[in-house]
Amino acid sequence: MHRIKKFLPVLLVAMLLLAGIAGCTPSTTPTPSTTPDPDDPDPVTLQFIAASSLSGVLAELNQIYVDSHPWVTIKDNITGGSGLLETQIKNGLEGDLFLSAAMANMDNLSNLNLIVDNSRKTLLNNNLVLITRKDSNLNINSFTDLTKLTASQVLAIADPASAPVGVYAMEALAYYNIVDDIKADFSLQSNTTQVLQVVKSGAADVGIVYMTDYLSEKDSIRMIEQAPAEVNAKIKYPVAILKSSNNQAATQEYIDFLFSEEAAKIFEKYGFVIAQ
């Protein structure tokens, strides 16, 4: 008993020291959790394949979309004549979305089971127009006036074999029954954008393009006449998800955006008509 009493002061001092040390121990900051937030979407990269007449408007729409969907990256669009793009897709070109300037190209891919059929919708309409440069002195004021062109002059259209706008152009000429009466040299271009450029540069005297192309260069290009309504009614732009897509859900979300009121205002600014 005496021994216990003898060591009590020492035990008390030791206990006080331990208590002091414990009180001075720095607090440990919890390590932030690295567990992903289930509400944050996974990053996704999309690749779109589209008719060349959509180049400008899609570039703007893509930027608007990624600004509000920061987890989405959209690669530069692959553009060209819809017929050429159809062939490339058949030959293995992969992407997430195809936006064609003609129903026939989408029909052909559907027949080969290369698109997700229940994703297909008609998005837009366009109009065909006859154009020349603003500084042109040609006395051409209508489609039927094309018969006044001489063999030394050039009429540019897109190649009907690779671009729907070329098919529509020939349909407009056939509507007026003037194909055989046109003496001008036909200059076949790969797509509507190329037709616009050769007219703008002076390499062609007149050309047939989409209204949207004309509007993009209206400061230097003059519209002579719109194609007949019977031809313009055929110009439809369908959109669909490609079977090669590994991001079908994300692509469908983008297609939903294309059908939104926000996107409609952008399309109309470029001269497209929203399909009814």
Protein backbone atom coordinates (compact mmCIF):
# COMPACT_ATOMS: atom_id res chain seq x y z
CA MET A 1 0.00 0.00 0.00
CA HIS A 2 2.85 2.33 0.83
CA ARG A 3 4.42 1.57 -2.51
CA ILE A 4 1.26 2.60 -4.34
CA LYS A 5 1.08 5.89 -2.48
CA LYS A 6 4.74 6.46 -3.23
CA PHE A 7 4.18 6.23 -7.01
CA LEU A 8 0.84 8.12 -7.19
CA PRO A 9 2.45 11.55 -7.81
CA VAL A 10 4.51 10.05 -10.65
CA LEU A 11 1.46 8.42 -12.23
CA LEU A 12 -0.49 11.67 -12.04
CA VAL A 13 2.31 13.59 -13.77
CA ALA A 14 2.54 10.93 -16.49
CA MET A 15 -1.23 11.03 -17.05
CA LEU A 16 -1.15 14.84 -17.33
CA LEU A 17 1.69 14.67 -19.85
CA LEU A 18 -0.15 12.10 -21.95
CA ALA A 19 -3.27 14.24 -21.86
CA GLY A 20 -1.26 17.27 -23.02
CA ILE A 21 0.34 15.35 -25.84
CA ALA A 22 -3.04 14.07 -27.00
CA GLY A 23 -4.42 17.61 -26.93
CA CYS A 24 -1.57 18.87 -29.09
CA THR A 25 -1.89 16.16 -31.73
CA PRO A 26 -2.72 17.88 -35.03
CA SER A 27 -6.10 17.04 -36.47
CA THR A 28 -6.10 14.91 -39.61
CA THR A 29 -7.83 16.44 -42.67
CA PRO A 30 -10.11 13.87 -44.27
CA THR A 31 -8.92 12.77 -47.72
CA PRO A 32 -11.41 13.88 -50.38
CA SER A 33 -13.34 11.02 -51.85
CA THR A 34 -12.21 10.00 -55.34
CA THR A 35 -15.44 8.14 -56.01
CA PRO A 36 -17.04 9.53 -59.21
CA ASP A 37 -20.27 11.44 -58.79
CA PRO A 38 -22.96 9.19 -60.31
CA ASP A 39 -24.72 12.34 -61.58
CA ASP A 40 -21.71 13.44 -63.68
CA PRO A 41 -21.93 12.06 -67.26
CA ASP A 42 -18.96 10.15 -68.62
CA PRO A 43 -16.83 12.03 -71.15
CA VAL A 44 -17.81 11.23 -74.74
CA THR A 45 -16.38 12.11 -78.16
CA LEU A 46 -18.71 12.33 -81.17
CA GLN A 47 -18.05 12.35 -84.91
CA PHE A 48 -20.66 13.68 -87.34
CA ILE A 49 -20.89 13.08 -91.10
CA ALA A 50 -22.95 15.68 -92.94
CA ALA A 51 -23.81 17.21 -96.31
CA SER A 52 -21.47 20.07 -97.22
CA SER A 53 -24.36 22.57 -97.25
CA LEU A 54 -24.53 22.10 -93.47
CA SER A 55 -20.88 22.96 -92.78
CA GLY A 56 -21.44 26.46 -91.43
CA VAL A 57 -24.57 25.90 -89.38
CA LEU A 58 -23.29 22.67 -87.80
CA ALA A 59 -20.05 24.33 -86.75
CA GLU A 60 -22.07 26.92 -84.83
CA LEU A 61 -24.51 24.39 -83.38
CA ASN A 62 -21.68 22.10 -82.26
CA GLN A 63 -20.04 24.94 -80.36
CA ILE A 64 -23.30 25.87 -78.64
CA TYR A 65 -23.82 22.22 -77.69
CA VAL A 66 -20.39 21.58 -76.17
CA ASP A 67 -20.58 24.87 -74.26
CA SER A 68 -23.64 23.55 -72.42
CA HIS A 69 -22.41 19.92 -72.36
CA PRO A 70 -18.76 20.21 -71.28
CA TRP A 71 -18.34 16.45 -71.03
CA VAL A 72 -18.96 16.16 -74.80
CA THR A 73 -16.25 16.62 -77.43
CA ILE A 74 -17.31 16.91 -81.07
CA LYS A 75 -14.65 16.30 -83.70
CA ASP A 76 -14.52 18.40 -86.86
CA ASN A 77 -17.43 17.38 -89.06
CA ILE A 78 -16.77 15.16 -92.07
CA THR A 79 -18.59 16.92 -94.90
CA GLY A 80 -19.08 16.43 -98.63
CA GLY A 81 -21.66 15.54 -101.23
CA SER A 82 -24.25 13.23 -99.66
CA GLY A 83 -23.78 10.63 -102.38
CA LEU A 84 -20.03 10.55 -101.82
CA LEU A 85 -20.52 10.31 -98.05
CA GLU A 86 -22.99 7.47 -98.53
CA THR A 87 -20.36 5.57 -100.53
CA GLN A 88 -17.70 6.23 -97.90
CA ILE A 89 -19.98 4.96 -95.13
CA LYS A 90 -20.68 1.83 -97.16
CA ASN A 91 -16.91 1.38 -97.49
CA GLY A 92 -16.31 1.60 -93.75
CA LEU A 93 -16.26 5.29 -92.80
CA GLU A 94 -17.35 5.36 -89.16
CA GLY A 95 -19.19 8.07 -87.31
CA ASP A 96 -22.02 8.65 -84.88
CA LEU A 97 -24.49 10.68 -86.93
CA PHE A 98 -25.29 11.10 -90.63
CA LEU A 99 -27.13 14.15 -91.90
CA SER A 100 -27.91 13.86 -95.60
CA ALA A 101 -29.25 16.38 -98.10
CA ALA A 102 -31.47 13.75 -99.71
CA MET A 103 -33.79 11.00 -98.59
CA ALA A 104 -32.36 8.56 -101.16
CA ASN A 105 -28.91 8.44 -99.55
CA MET A 106 -30.41 7.63 -96.17
CA ASP A 107 -32.73 5.06 -97.77
CA ASN A 108 -29.73 3.29 -99.29
CA LEU A 109 -27.93 3.10 -95.95
CA SER A 110 -31.10 1.92 -94.25
CA ASN A 111 -31.47 -0.87 -96.80
CA LEU A 112 -27.97 -2.03 -95.90
CA ASN A 113 -28.75 -1.89 -92.16
CA LEU A 114 -26.12 0.81 -91.62
CA ILE A 115 -28.32 3.23 -89.65
CA VAL A 116 -30.42 2.91 -86.50
CA ASP A 117 -33.81 3.08 -88.21
CA ASN A 118 -35.85 4.25 -85.21
CA SER A 119 -33.50 7.24 -84.87
CA ARG A 120 -34.21 8.53 -88.38
CA LYS A 121 -36.12 11.81 -88.73
CA THR A 122 -36.54 14.51 -91.36
CA LEU A 123 -34.96 17.66 -89.95
CA LEU A 124 -34.80 20.37 -92.62
CA ASN A 125 -35.85 21.66 -96.03
CA ASN A 126 -33.92 23.92 -98.38
CA ASN A 127 -34.49 25.74 -101.66
CA LEU A 128 -32.55 25.67 -104.91
CA VAL A 129 -31.48 28.93 -106.57
CA LEU A 130 -29.78 30.10 -109.75
CA ILE A 131 -26.89 32.47 -109.03
CA THR A 132 -24.27 34.68 -110.66
CA ARG A 133 -21.77 37.23 -109.41
CA LYS A 134 -23.10 40.64 -108.40
CA ASP A 135 -20.81 42.32 -110.91
CA SER A 136 -21.91 40.05 -113.78
CA ASN A 137 -23.15 41.71 -116.96
CA LEU A 138 -24.97 38.60 -118.15
CA ASN A 139 -28.52 39.17 -119.32
CA ILE A 140 -29.78 36.15 -117.39
CA ASN A 141 -32.88 36.77 -115.28
CA SER A 142 -34.46 33.32 -115.00
CA PHE A 143 -33.79 29.62 -115.44
CA THR A 144 -35.21 29.75 -118.96
CA ASP A 145 -32.70 32.46 -119.86
CA LEU A 146 -29.95 29.86 -119.52
CA THR A 147 -30.64 29.03 -123.16
CA LYS A 148 -29.06 32.42 -124.01
CA LEU A 149 -25.64 31.24 -122.80
CA THR A 150 -23.05 30.50 -125.46
CA ALA A 151 -20.63 27.58 -125.74
CA SER A 152 -17.85 29.77 -124.32
CA GLN A 153 -19.74 30.37 -121.09
CA VAL A 154 -19.93 28.07 -118.09
CA LEU A 155 -22.84 26.76 -116.03
CA ALA A 156 -21.70 25.12 -112.78
CA ILE A 157 -23.72 22.47 -110.98
CA ALA A 158 -22.81 19.76 -108.50
CA ASP A 159 -22.17 16.34 -109.99
CA PRO A 160 -25.51 14.47 -109.82
CA ALA A 161 -23.57 11.24 -109.27
CA SER A 162 -22.17 12.44 -105.93
CA ALA A 163 -24.36 15.29 -104.65
CA PRO A 164 -28.15 15.57 -104.37
CA VAL A 165 -28.03 19.28 -105.22
CA GLY A 166 -26.82 18.24 -108.69
CA VAL A 167 -29.82 15.96 -109.06
CA TYR A 168 -32.15 18.78 -108.01
CA ALA A 169 -30.42 21.13 -110.45
CA MET A 170 -31.04 18.76 -113.36
CA GLU A 171 -34.66 18.34 -112.22
CA ALA A 172 -35.09 22.12 -112.33
CA LEU A 173 -33.70 22.26 -115.87
CA ALA A 174 -35.91 19.35 -116.89
CA TYR A 175 -38.93 21.08 -115.34
CA TYR A 176 -38.45 23.93 -117.82
CA ASN A 177 -37.56 21.45 -120.59
CA ILE A 178 -34.38 23.36 -121.46
CA VAL A 179 -31.62 20.77 -120.88
CA ASP A 180 -31.01 20.15 -124.58
CA ASP A 181 -31.17 23.84 -125.42
CA ILE A 182 -28.39 24.95 -123.09
CA LYS A 183 -25.22 25.50 -125.14
CA ALA A 184 -23.05 26.51 -122.18
CA ASP A 185 -20.30 24.24 -120.92
CA PHE A 186 -21.47 22.28 -117.88
CA SER A 187 -18.89 22.37 -115.09
CA LEU A 188 -19.54 19.52 -112.63
CA GLN A 189 -18.36 20.16 -109.07
CA SER A 190 -18.12 17.78 -106.12
CA ASN A 191 -20.68 19.60 -103.98
CA THR A 192 -22.74 22.76 -103.62
CA THR A 193 -19.95 24.63 -101.79
CA GLN A 194 -17.63 24.11 -104.74
CA VAL A 195 -20.28 25.39 -107.16
CA LEU A 196 -20.58 28.55 -105.08
CA GLN A 197 -16.81 29.05 -105.08
CA VAL A 198 -16.34 28.67 -108.85
CA VAL A 199 -19.10 31.23 -109.48
CA LYS A 200 -17.61 33.59 -106.91
CA SER A 201 -14.13 33.25 -108.43
CA GLY A 202 -15.38 33.81 -111.96
CA ALA A 203 -14.48 30.31 -113.17
CA ALA A 204 -18.18 29.83 -113.92
CA ASP A 205 -20.67 32.40 -115.20
CA VAL A 206 -23.72 31.00 -113.42
CA GLY A 207 -24.41 28.19 -110.99
CA ILE A 208 -27.19 26.35 -109.24
CA VAL A 209 -26.84 26.03 -105.45
CA TYR A 210 -28.90 25.88 -102.28
CA MET A 211 -30.44 29.05 -100.90
CA THR A 212 -28.27 28.59 -97.80
CA ASP A 213 -25.11 28.77 -99.92
CA TYR A 214 -26.25 31.95 -101.61
CA LEU A 215 -27.02 33.59 -98.27
CA SER A 216 -23.51 32.81 -97.01
CA GLU A 217 -22.04 34.91 -99.88
CA LYS A 218 -24.84 37.34 -100.68
CA ASP A 219 -22.47 40.32 -100.58
CA SER A 220 -20.72 39.04 -103.70
CA ILE A 221 -23.35 36.77 -105.25
CA ARG A 222 -26.67 37.69 -106.88
CA MET A 223 -29.64 35.35 -106.80
CA ILE A 224 -31.30 35.23 -110.21
CA GLU A 225 -34.30 33.02 -109.45
CA GLN A 226 -35.51 30.29 -107.13
CA ALA A 227 -36.23 26.87 -108.58
CA PRO A 228 -39.90 25.92 -109.02
CA ALA A 229 -41.77 24.89 -105.89
CA GLU A 230 -42.26 21.39 -107.31
CA VAL A 231 -38.49 20.87 -107.22
CA ASN A 232 -37.85 22.62 -103.91
CA ALA A 233 -40.48 20.46 -102.20
CA LYS A 234 -38.22 17.44 -102.78
CA ILE A 235 -35.24 18.90 -100.90
CA LYS A 236 -35.29 17.21 -97.49
CA TYR A 237 -32.52 16.61 -94.95
CA PRO A 238 -32.92 13.42 -92.89
CA VAL A 239 -30.76 12.64 -89.83
CA ALA A 240 -30.02 9.28 -88.23
CA ILE A 241 -27.62 7.51 -85.89
CA LEU A 242 -25.10 5.29 -87.67
CA LYS A 243 -24.83 1.65 -86.63
CA SER A 244 -21.07 2.16 -86.34
CA SER A 245 -21.63 4.53 -83.39
CA ASN A 246 -20.38 3.46 -79.98
CA ASN A 247 -22.16 6.45 -78.43
CA GLN A 248 -25.75 6.02 -79.52
CA ALA A 249 -27.34 7.44 -76.37
CA ALA A 250 -25.18 10.59 -76.49
CA THR A 251 -25.84 10.94 -80.22
CA GLN A 252 -29.59 10.71 -79.65
CA GLU A 253 -29.29 13.53 -77.09
CA TYR A 254 -27.58 15.66 -79.74
CA ILE A 255 -30.32 14.85 -82.27
CA ASP A 256 -32.89 15.95 -79.68
CA PHE A 257 -30.98 19.24 -79.47
CA LEU A 258 -31.17 19.63 -83.26
CA PHE A 259 -34.97 19.53 -82.97
CA SER A 260 -35.07 22.13 -80.19
CA GLU A 261 -36.33 25.70 -80.56
CA GLU A 262 -32.82 26.97 -79.85
CA ALA A 263 -31.39 25.02 -82.79
CA ALA A 264 -34.33 26.00 -85.03
CA LYS A 265 -33.42 29.68 -84.68
CA ILE A 266 -29.86 28.94 -85.78
CA PHE A 267 -31.00 26.87 -88.78
CA GLU A 268 -33.37 29.63 -89.87
CA LYS A 269 -30.61 32.22 -89.56
CA TYR A 270 -28.67 30.26 -92.17
CA GLY A 271 -31.70 30.04 -94.47
CA PHE A 272 -32.88 26.50 -93.75
CA VAL A 273 -36.55 25.69 -93.31
CA ILE A 274 -37.55 23.47 -90.40
CA ALA A 275 -39.31 20.36 -91.72
CA GLN A 276 -42.97 20.09 -90.81
